Amino acid sequence: MDTDVEGSLNKFVCLLYGDTISQNVDECRYNLFKAGKCSDEALPPNTECLKNHIARTNYQAASWNGCLTSILLLPSPVGNGWELDGDQQLKVLWMTSPSAPESVLEFVQCRCKGGCKTQRYSCLKSGALRCARAHSAVILPQPTVRNQMMTMTTMKMMMKICLIQKNR
């Protein structure tokens, strides 16, 4: 992807979250989390998740762009924001790298007051936090499906940018 387009989309996503200062989504995530303005579920996607989302959006826009073509030759969606799971089913590729260094994740624990035995507890829902009996550790933002999803308006805007860039 063109670095200018990537930079514009990063800035656009920051603006969606009300951040007029940050130049990329990682910086925006950090600033919003540090300011306590967003829960981890409401933070913008990180750079890798955004790139994968842009790839999926661009792929979808290309298929829609050729919808009136009798035989549409599209590349495989694998590598364009999707991957195959163990059953060879297509699934969304959120990230390939860990959300944080393993040394940090070892110390990230939930703050639940109970025994964390049901999906009612955020640590079990996210699948990314360890339950600790002490329940006193600070939670770092972990990627979840909810905080990686973009609104339809955002997706449409991103598709327009990608199509404009493609036609240049």
N, C-alpha and C. Protein backbone atom coordinates (compact mmCIF):
# COMPACT_ATOMS: atom_id res chain seq x y z
N MET A 1 0.85 -1.17 0.00
CA MET A 1 0.00 0.00 0.00
C MET A 1 0.89 1.24 0.00
N ASP A 2 0.46 2.23 -0.70
CA ASP A 2 1.17 3.50 -0.79
C ASP A 2 1.29 4.11 0.61
N THR A 3 2.47 4.60 0.96
CA THR A 3 2.68 5.16 2.31
C THR A 3 1.85 6.42 2.56
N ASP A 4 1.59 7.19 1.49
CA ASP A 4 0.74 8.38 1.65
C ASP A 4 -0.68 7.99 2.01
N VAL A 5 -1.19 6.96 1.34
CA VAL A 5 -2.55 6.48 1.63
C VAL A 5 -2.60 5.92 3.04
N GLU A 6 -1.60 5.13 3.40
CA GLU A 6 -1.56 4.56 4.74
C GLU A 6 -1.52 5.66 5.80
N GLY A 7 -0.71 6.68 5.58
CA GLY A 7 -0.64 7.80 6.51
C GLY A 7 -1.96 8.55 6.62
N SER A 8 -2.61 8.75 5.48
CA SER A 8 -3.92 9.43 5.48
C SER A 8 -4.96 8.63 6.23
N LEU A 9 -4.97 7.32 6.02
CA LEU A 9 -5.94 6.47 6.71
C LEU A 9 -5.66 6.42 8.21
N ASN A 10 -4.38 6.38 8.59
CA ASN A 10 -4.03 6.43 10.01
C ASN A 10 -4.56 7.70 10.64
N LYS A 11 -4.30 8.82 10.00
CA LYS A 11 -4.75 10.12 10.52
C LYS A 11 -6.28 10.18 10.56
N PHE A 12 -6.93 9.64 9.53
CA PHE A 12 -8.39 9.62 9.46
C PHE A 12 -8.98 8.85 10.65
N VAL A 13 -8.42 7.69 10.93
CA VAL A 13 -8.92 6.88 12.06
C VAL A 13 -8.69 7.62 13.38
N CYS A 14 -7.56 8.29 13.52
CA CYS A 14 -7.30 9.09 14.74
C CYS A 14 -8.38 10.16 14.89
N LEU A 15 -8.73 10.81 13.80
CA LEU A 15 -9.76 11.85 13.84
C LEU A 15 -11.12 11.28 14.23
N LEU A 16 -11.41 10.06 13.79
CA LEU A 16 -12.67 9.41 14.17
C LEU A 16 -12.78 9.25 15.68
N TYR A 17 -11.64 9.11 16.33
CA TYR A 17 -11.61 8.95 17.78
C TYR A 17 -11.40 10.28 18.50
N GLY A 18 -11.50 11.38 17.76
CA GLY A 18 -11.39 12.70 18.37
C GLY A 18 -9.97 13.14 18.67
N ASP A 19 -8.99 12.44 18.14
CA ASP A 19 -7.59 12.78 18.38
C ASP A 19 -7.05 13.55 17.18
N THR A 20 -6.86 14.84 17.36
CA THR A 20 -6.39 15.69 16.26
C THR A 20 -4.87 15.83 16.24
N ILE A 21 -4.20 15.26 17.24
CA ILE A 21 -2.75 15.43 17.37
C ILE A 21 -1.97 14.23 16.83
N SER A 22 -2.41 13.03 17.16
CA SER A 22 -1.68 11.81 16.78
C SER A 22 -1.60 11.65 15.27
N GLN A 23 -0.47 11.11 14.82
CA GLN A 23 -0.26 10.88 13.39
C GLN A 23 -0.49 9.43 12.98
N ASN A 24 -0.59 8.51 13.97
CA ASN A 24 -0.85 7.11 13.65
C ASN A 24 -1.69 6.49 14.75
N VAL A 25 -2.30 5.35 14.43
CA VAL A 25 -3.25 4.74 15.36
C VAL A 25 -2.59 4.21 16.63
N ASP A 26 -1.34 3.80 16.55
CA ASP A 26 -0.66 3.32 17.76
C ASP A 26 -0.48 4.45 18.76
N GLU A 27 -0.07 5.59 18.25
CA GLU A 27 0.09 6.79 19.09
C GLU A 27 -1.28 7.20 19.66
N CYS A 28 -2.29 7.15 18.83
CA CYS A 28 -3.66 7.50 19.25
C CYS A 28 -4.14 6.55 20.35
N ARG A 29 -3.93 5.24 20.16
CA ARG A 29 -4.31 4.24 21.17
C ARG A 29 -3.64 4.56 22.51
N TYR A 30 -2.34 4.84 22.45
CA TYR A 30 -1.58 5.12 23.66
C TYR A 30 -2.12 6.38 24.35
N ASN A 31 -2.32 7.45 23.59
CA ASN A 31 -2.79 8.71 24.17
C ASN A 31 -4.18 8.57 24.78
N LEU A 32 -5.08 7.88 24.09
CA LEU A 32 -6.44 7.69 24.61
C LEU A 32 -6.43 6.82 25.86
N PHE A 33 -5.63 5.77 25.84
CA PHE A 33 -5.56 4.88 27.00
C PHE A 33 -4.95 5.61 28.20
N LYS A 34 -3.86 6.34 27.94
CA LYS A 34 -3.18 7.08 29.01
C LYS A 34 -4.10 8.13 29.62
N ALA A 35 -4.91 8.77 28.79
CA ALA A 35 -5.82 9.81 29.27
C ALA A 35 -7.05 9.23 29.96
N GLY A 36 -7.23 7.91 29.84
CA GLY A 36 -8.38 7.26 30.46
C GLY A 36 -9.69 7.57 29.75
N LYS A 37 -9.60 7.98 28.48
CA LYS A 37 -10.80 8.36 27.73
C LYS A 37 -11.53 7.17 27.12
N CYS A 38 -10.85 6.03 27.01
CA CYS A 38 -11.45 4.86 26.36
C CYS A 38 -11.16 3.60 27.15
N SER A 39 -12.13 2.71 27.18
CA SER A 39 -11.87 1.38 27.70
C SER A 39 -11.10 0.63 26.61
N ASP A 40 -10.53 -0.51 26.94
CA ASP A 40 -9.75 -1.23 25.94
C ASP A 40 -10.60 -1.65 24.75
N GLU A 41 -11.89 -1.89 24.96
CA GLU A 41 -12.77 -2.27 23.85
C GLU A 41 -13.05 -1.11 22.91
N ALA A 42 -12.91 0.11 23.39
CA ALA A 42 -13.26 1.28 22.59
C ALA A 42 -12.04 1.95 21.94
N LEU A 43 -10.86 1.41 22.15
CA LEU A 43 -9.66 1.99 21.54
C LEU A 43 -9.64 1.71 20.04
N PRO A 44 -8.97 2.57 19.27
CA PRO A 44 -8.84 2.30 17.84
C PRO A 44 -7.98 1.06 17.61
N PRO A 45 -8.03 0.50 16.42
CA PRO A 45 -7.20 -0.67 16.13
C PRO A 45 -5.73 -0.27 16.12
N ASN A 46 -4.85 -1.25 16.34
CA ASN A 46 -3.42 -0.95 16.22
C ASN A 46 -3.04 -0.96 14.74
N THR A 47 -1.80 -0.61 14.44
CA THR A 47 -1.36 -0.47 13.05
C THR A 47 -1.55 -1.76 12.25
N GLU A 48 -1.17 -2.89 12.83
CA GLU A 48 -1.29 -4.15 12.10
C GLU A 48 -2.75 -4.49 11.81
N CYS A 49 -3.61 -4.29 12.79
CA CYS A 49 -5.04 -4.56 12.57
C CYS A 49 -5.62 -3.62 11.52
N LEU A 50 -5.20 -2.36 11.56
CA LEU A 50 -5.69 -1.40 10.57
C LEU A 50 -5.23 -1.78 9.17
N LYS A 51 -3.97 -2.19 9.02
CA LYS A 51 -3.47 -2.61 7.71
C LYS A 51 -4.26 -3.80 7.18
N ASN A 52 -4.55 -4.77 8.04
CA ASN A 52 -5.33 -5.93 7.61
C ASN A 52 -6.75 -5.52 7.24
N HIS A 53 -7.31 -4.58 8.00
CA HIS A 53 -8.66 -4.09 7.69
C HIS A 53 -8.68 -3.36 6.34
N ILE A 54 -7.67 -2.56 6.10
CA ILE A 54 -7.56 -1.85 4.83
C ILE A 54 -7.44 -2.85 3.68
N ALA A 55 -6.65 -3.90 3.88
CA ALA A 55 -6.50 -4.92 2.84
C ALA A 55 -7.84 -5.60 2.53
N ARG A 56 -8.60 -5.93 3.59
CA ARG A 56 -9.92 -6.54 3.39
C ARG A 56 -10.86 -5.58 2.67
N THR A 57 -10.83 -4.33 3.08
CA THR A 57 -11.70 -3.31 2.48
C THR A 57 -11.35 -3.10 1.02
N ASN A 58 -10.07 -3.03 0.72
CA ASN A 58 -9.63 -2.85 -0.66
C ASN A 58 -10.02 -4.05 -1.52
N TYR A 59 -9.88 -5.24 -0.97
CA TYR A 59 -10.26 -6.47 -1.68
C TYR A 59 -11.76 -6.44 -1.99
N GLN A 60 -12.56 -6.08 -0.99
CA GLN A 60 -14.02 -6.01 -1.18
C GLN A 60 -14.38 -4.94 -2.21
N ALA A 61 -13.71 -3.79 -2.13
CA ALA A 61 -13.99 -2.71 -3.09
C ALA A 61 -13.64 -3.15 -4.51
N ALA A 62 -12.55 -3.89 -4.66
CA ALA A 62 -12.17 -4.38 -5.99
C ALA A 62 -13.21 -5.35 -6.53
N SER A 63 -13.76 -6.19 -5.66
CA SER A 63 -14.79 -7.14 -6.12
C SER A 63 -16.07 -6.39 -6.50
N TRP A 64 -16.43 -5.38 -5.73
CA TRP A 64 -17.62 -4.59 -6.05
C TRP A 64 -17.39 -3.77 -7.33
N ASN A 65 -16.18 -3.28 -7.50
CA ASN A 65 -15.85 -2.48 -8.68
C ASN A 65 -16.01 -3.30 -9.96
N GLY A 66 -15.78 -4.60 -9.88
CA GLY A 66 -15.91 -5.45 -11.05
C GLY A 66 -17.20 -6.24 -11.09
N CYS A 67 -18.19 -5.80 -10.33
CA CYS A 67 -19.43 -6.58 -10.20
C CYS A 67 -20.18 -6.78 -11.51
N LEU A 68 -19.99 -5.91 -12.47
CA LEU A 68 -20.69 -6.05 -13.74
C LEU A 68 -19.87 -6.82 -14.78
N THR A 69 -18.70 -7.26 -14.39
CA THR A 69 -17.85 -8.07 -15.26
C THR A 69 -18.36 -9.50 -15.24
N SER A 70 -18.47 -10.12 -16.41
CA SER A 70 -19.03 -11.47 -16.46
C SER A 70 -18.14 -12.49 -15.75
N ILE A 71 -16.85 -12.38 -15.91
CA ILE A 71 -15.93 -13.29 -15.21
C ILE A 71 -14.95 -12.41 -14.43
N LEU A 72 -15.09 -12.44 -13.14
CA LEU A 72 -14.26 -11.61 -12.28
C LEU A 72 -13.09 -12.44 -11.76
N LEU A 73 -11.90 -12.03 -12.09
CA LEU A 73 -10.71 -12.73 -11.63
C LEU A 73 -10.11 -11.98 -10.45
N LEU A 74 -10.31 -12.53 -9.28
CA LEU A 74 -9.78 -11.92 -8.06
C LEU A 74 -8.67 -12.78 -7.50
N PRO A 75 -7.69 -12.15 -6.88
CA PRO A 75 -6.67 -12.95 -6.20
C PRO A 75 -7.29 -13.63 -4.98
N SER A 76 -6.56 -14.53 -4.40
CA SER A 76 -7.04 -15.21 -3.20
C SER A 76 -7.22 -14.19 -2.07
N PRO A 77 -8.26 -14.32 -1.28
CA PRO A 77 -8.42 -13.43 -0.13
C PRO A 77 -7.34 -13.68 0.94
N VAL A 78 -6.75 -14.89 0.92
CA VAL A 78 -5.67 -15.19 1.87
C VAL A 78 -4.50 -14.27 1.54
N GLY A 79 -4.04 -13.55 2.54
CA GLY A 79 -3.00 -12.56 2.33
C GLY A 79 -3.56 -11.17 2.09
N ASN A 80 -4.85 -11.07 1.99
CA ASN A 80 -5.52 -9.78 1.82
C ASN A 80 -6.41 -9.49 3.02
N GLY A 81 -5.92 -9.80 4.21
CA GLY A 81 -6.67 -9.54 5.43
C GLY A 81 -7.44 -10.73 5.95
N TRP A 82 -7.33 -11.87 5.25
CA TRP A 82 -7.97 -13.10 5.71
C TRP A 82 -6.92 -14.20 5.77
N GLU A 83 -7.26 -15.27 6.46
CA GLU A 83 -6.42 -16.46 6.52
C GLU A 83 -7.31 -17.69 6.58
N LEU A 84 -6.73 -18.85 6.37
CA LEU A 84 -7.47 -20.10 6.49
C LEU A 84 -7.23 -20.68 7.87
N ASP A 85 -8.31 -21.15 8.51
CA ASP A 85 -8.15 -21.79 9.82
C ASP A 85 -7.83 -23.27 9.61
N GLY A 86 -7.81 -24.03 10.69
CA GLY A 86 -7.47 -25.45 10.63
C GLY A 86 -8.41 -26.27 9.77
N ASP A 87 -9.65 -25.84 9.63
CA ASP A 87 -10.64 -26.54 8.80
C ASP A 87 -10.69 -25.98 7.38
N GLN A 88 -9.68 -25.19 7.03
CA GLN A 88 -9.60 -24.56 5.71
C GLN A 88 -10.77 -23.62 5.44
N GLN A 89 -11.30 -23.01 6.50
CA GLN A 89 -12.36 -22.02 6.39
C GLN A 89 -11.72 -20.63 6.45
N LEU A 90 -12.23 -19.72 5.67
CA LEU A 90 -11.72 -18.36 5.65
C LEU A 90 -12.11 -17.64 6.93
N LYS A 91 -11.15 -16.97 7.56
CA LYS A 91 -11.45 -16.18 8.75
C LYS A 91 -10.65 -14.89 8.70
N VAL A 92 -11.14 -13.90 9.42
CA VAL A 92 -10.49 -12.59 9.46
C VAL A 92 -9.14 -12.71 10.14
N LEU A 93 -8.14 -12.09 9.55
CA LEU A 93 -6.81 -12.04 10.15
C LEU A 93 -6.69 -10.70 10.87
N TRP A 94 -6.68 -10.74 12.19
CA TRP A 94 -6.56 -9.50 12.96
C TRP A 94 -5.10 -9.11 13.09
N MET A 95 -4.29 -10.03 13.63
CA MET A 95 -2.88 -9.73 13.87
C MET A 95 -2.07 -11.01 13.74
N THR A 96 -0.80 -10.86 13.38
CA THR A 96 0.10 -12.00 13.37
C THR A 96 1.13 -11.88 14.49
N SER A 97 1.37 -10.68 14.94
CA SER A 97 2.33 -10.47 16.03
C SER A 97 1.58 -10.37 17.35
N PRO A 98 2.27 -10.64 18.46
CA PRO A 98 1.59 -10.56 19.76
C PRO A 98 1.16 -9.12 20.07
N SER A 99 0.13 -9.00 20.90
CA SER A 99 -0.39 -7.67 21.24
C SER A 99 0.60 -6.87 22.08
N ALA A 100 1.46 -7.57 22.77
CA ALA A 100 2.50 -6.94 23.59
C ALA A 100 3.62 -7.97 23.77
N PRO A 101 4.81 -7.53 24.16
CA PRO A 101 5.87 -8.50 24.42
C PRO A 101 5.43 -9.51 25.48
N GLU A 102 5.87 -10.76 25.34
CA GLU A 102 5.49 -11.82 26.27
C GLU A 102 5.82 -11.43 27.71
N SER A 103 6.94 -10.74 27.92
CA SER A 103 7.33 -10.34 29.27
C SER A 103 6.30 -9.40 29.90
N VAL A 104 5.65 -8.58 29.08
CA VAL A 104 4.61 -7.69 29.59
C VAL A 104 3.34 -8.48 29.86
N LEU A 105 2.97 -9.36 28.92
CA LEU A 105 1.74 -10.13 29.07
C LEU A 105 1.76 -11.03 30.31
N GLU A 106 2.95 -11.45 30.74
CA GLU A 106 3.05 -12.28 31.94
C GLU A 106 2.53 -11.54 33.17
N PHE A 107 2.66 -10.22 33.17
CA PHE A 107 2.27 -9.43 34.32
C PHE A 107 0.88 -8.82 34.18
N VAL A 108 0.27 -8.98 33.03
CA VAL A 108 -1.06 -8.43 32.81
C VAL A 108 -2.08 -9.40 33.36
N GLN A 109 -2.88 -8.91 34.29
CA GLN A 109 -3.88 -9.75 34.94
C GLN A 109 -5.18 -8.98 35.05
N CYS A 110 -6.23 -9.71 35.29
CA CYS A 110 -7.53 -9.05 35.40
C CYS A 110 -7.69 -8.39 36.78
N ARG A 111 -8.76 -7.61 36.90
CA ARG A 111 -9.09 -6.99 38.18
C ARG A 111 -10.48 -7.43 38.64
N CYS A 112 -10.90 -8.60 38.21
CA CYS A 112 -12.22 -9.10 38.60
C CYS A 112 -12.26 -9.36 40.10
N LYS A 113 -13.42 -9.17 40.68
CA LYS A 113 -13.56 -9.36 42.13
C LYS A 113 -13.98 -10.79 42.47
N GLY A 114 -14.42 -11.55 41.49
CA GLY A 114 -14.88 -12.91 41.74
C GLY A 114 -13.86 -13.95 41.32
N GLY A 115 -14.34 -15.15 41.12
CA GLY A 115 -13.46 -16.25 40.76
C GLY A 115 -13.22 -16.42 39.28
N CYS A 116 -13.79 -15.57 38.46
CA CYS A 116 -13.56 -15.58 37.01
C CYS A 116 -13.90 -16.95 36.41
N LYS A 117 -15.10 -17.45 36.69
CA LYS A 117 -15.48 -18.78 36.22
C LYS A 117 -16.43 -18.75 35.03
N THR A 118 -17.03 -17.62 34.71
CA THR A 118 -17.99 -17.57 33.60
C THR A 118 -17.57 -16.49 32.60
N GLN A 119 -18.21 -16.49 31.44
CA GLN A 119 -17.92 -15.50 30.41
C GLN A 119 -18.36 -14.09 30.81
N ARG A 120 -18.98 -13.97 31.97
CA ARG A 120 -19.38 -12.66 32.47
C ARG A 120 -18.15 -11.82 32.82
N TYR A 121 -17.06 -12.49 33.13
CA TYR A 121 -15.84 -11.78 33.52
C TYR A 121 -15.04 -11.37 32.29
N SER A 122 -14.59 -10.11 32.29
CA SER A 122 -13.90 -9.57 31.12
C SER A 122 -12.64 -10.34 30.78
N CYS A 123 -11.97 -10.89 31.78
CA CYS A 123 -10.72 -11.61 31.50
C CYS A 123 -10.99 -12.86 30.67
N LEU A 124 -12.09 -13.54 30.94
CA LEU A 124 -12.43 -14.73 30.17
C LEU A 124 -13.02 -14.36 28.82
N LYS A 125 -13.78 -13.27 28.78
CA LYS A 125 -14.37 -12.82 27.52
C LYS A 125 -13.29 -12.47 26.51
N SER A 126 -12.27 -11.74 26.96
CA SER A 126 -11.23 -11.29 26.04
C SER A 126 -10.32 -12.43 25.64
N GLY A 127 -10.17 -13.41 26.52
CA GLY A 127 -9.27 -14.51 26.22
C GLY A 127 -7.82 -14.09 26.23
N ALA A 128 -7.55 -12.88 26.64
CA ALA A 128 -6.19 -12.36 26.57
C ALA A 128 -5.58 -12.06 27.93
N LEU A 129 -6.36 -12.17 28.99
CA LEU A 129 -5.85 -11.82 30.31
C LEU A 129 -5.80 -13.04 31.21
N ARG A 130 -4.82 -13.07 32.08
CA ARG A 130 -4.75 -14.13 33.08
C ARG A 130 -5.54 -13.68 34.29
N CYS A 131 -6.24 -14.61 34.90
CA CYS A 131 -6.96 -14.32 36.12
C CYS A 131 -5.98 -14.44 37.28
N ALA A 132 -6.00 -13.49 38.17
CA ALA A 132 -5.11 -13.53 39.32
C ALA A 132 -5.94 -13.43 40.59
N ARG A 133 -5.57 -14.19 41.59
CA ARG A 133 -6.29 -14.14 42.86
C ARG A 133 -6.09 -12.79 43.54
N ALA A 134 -4.95 -12.16 43.30
CA ALA A 134 -4.69 -10.86 43.93
C ALA A 134 -5.58 -9.78 43.32
N HIS A 135 -5.89 -9.90 42.05
CA HIS A 135 -6.77 -8.96 41.35
C HIS A 135 -6.35 -7.50 41.54
N SER A 136 -5.06 -7.24 41.45
CA SER A 136 -4.63 -5.87 41.67
C SER A 136 -3.78 -5.32 40.53
N ALA A 137 -3.53 -6.11 39.52
CA ALA A 137 -2.67 -5.65 38.44
C ALA A 137 -3.43 -4.70 37.51
N VAL A 138 -2.67 -3.91 36.82
CA VAL A 138 -3.25 -2.97 35.86
C VAL A 138 -3.50 -3.70 34.55
N ILE A 139 -4.62 -3.41 33.91
CA ILE A 139 -4.94 -4.03 32.64
C ILE A 139 -4.40 -3.17 31.51
N LEU A 140 -3.62 -3.78 30.64
CA LEU A 140 -3.18 -3.11 29.43
C LEU A 140 -4.17 -3.43 28.32
N PRO A 141 -4.32 -2.54 27.35
CA PRO A 141 -5.29 -2.83 26.28
C PRO A 141 -4.89 -4.07 25.50
N GLN A 142 -5.82 -4.98 25.34
CA GLN A 142 -5.61 -6.19 24.56
C GLN A 142 -6.54 -6.13 23.36
N PRO A 143 -6.12 -6.64 22.21
CA PRO A 143 -7.01 -6.59 21.06
C PRO A 143 -8.20 -7.52 21.24
N THR A 144 -9.36 -7.03 20.93
CA THR A 144 -10.57 -7.84 20.95
C THR A 144 -11.28 -7.61 19.64
N VAL A 145 -12.22 -8.44 19.34
CA VAL A 145 -12.97 -8.28 18.10
C VAL A 145 -13.66 -6.93 18.08
N ARG A 146 -14.23 -6.52 19.22
CA ARG A 146 -14.98 -5.27 19.25
C ARG A 146 -14.12 -4.07 18.96
N ASN A 147 -12.88 -4.01 19.51
CA ASN A 147 -12.11 -2.79 19.28
C ASN A 147 -11.38 -2.81 17.94
N GLN A 148 -11.51 -3.87 17.17
CA GLN A 148 -10.89 -3.91 15.86
C GLN A 148 -11.91 -3.62 14.76
N MET A 149 -13.19 -3.69 15.07
CA MET A 149 -14.21 -3.48 14.06
C MET A 149 -14.38 -1.99 13.77
N MET A 150 -14.62 -1.68 12.53
CA MET A 150 -14.81 -0.30 12.13
C MET A 150 -16.27 -0.13 11.71
N THR A 151 -16.77 1.09 11.77
CA THR A 151 -18.14 1.33 11.35
C THR A 151 -18.26 1.27 9.83
N MET A 152 -19.46 1.09 9.34
CA MET A 152 -19.69 1.05 7.90
C MET A 152 -19.28 2.37 7.25
N THR A 153 -19.51 3.47 7.94
CA THR A 153 -19.13 4.78 7.40
C THR A 153 -17.63 4.84 7.19
N THR A 154 -16.88 4.37 8.16
CA THR A 154 -15.42 4.35 8.06
C THR A 154 -15.00 3.47 6.91
N MET A 155 -15.62 2.30 6.81
CA MET A 155 -15.26 1.36 5.76
C MET A 155 -15.52 1.97 4.39
N LYS A 156 -16.65 2.65 4.24
CA LYS A 156 -16.98 3.28 2.96
C LYS A 156 -15.95 4.36 2.61
N MET A 157 -15.57 5.15 3.62
CA MET A 157 -14.59 6.20 3.40
C MET A 157 -13.25 5.60 2.98
N MET A 158 -12.86 4.51 3.65
CA MET A 158 -11.59 3.87 3.32
C MET A 158 -11.63 3.29 1.90
N MET A 159 -12.77 2.71 1.51
CA MET A 159 -12.91 2.16 0.16
C MET A 159 -12.78 3.27 -0.87
N LYS A 160 -13.39 4.43 -0.61
CA LYS A 160 -13.30 5.55 -1.54
C LYS A 160 -11.85 5.98 -1.71
N ILE A 161 -11.13 6.08 -0.60
CA ILE A 161 -9.73 6.48 -0.66
C ILE A 161 -8.93 5.47 -1.47
N CYS A 162 -9.17 4.18 -1.22
CA CYS A 162 -8.44 3.13 -1.94
C CYS A 162 -8.76 3.16 -3.43
N LEU A 163 -10.03 3.37 -3.78
CA LEU A 163 -10.42 3.41 -5.19
C LEU A 163 -9.85 4.64 -5.89
N ILE A 164 -9.85 5.78 -5.20
CA ILE A 164 -9.27 7.00 -5.76
C ILE A 164 -7.79 6.77 -6.03
N GLN A 165 -7.11 6.17 -5.06
CA GLN A 165 -5.68 5.90 -5.19
C GLN A 165 -5.42 4.93 -6.35
N LYS A 166 -6.29 3.93 -6.49
CA LYS A 166 -6.15 2.92 -7.55
C LYS A 166 -6.28 3.55 -8.93
N ASN A 167 -7.16 4.54 -9.06
CA ASN A 167 -7.43 5.17 -10.35
C ASN A 167 -6.41 6.24 -10.73
N ARG A 168 -5.48 6.54 -9.86
CA ARG A 168 -4.46 7.56 -10.16
C ARG A 168 -3.42 7.02 -11.10
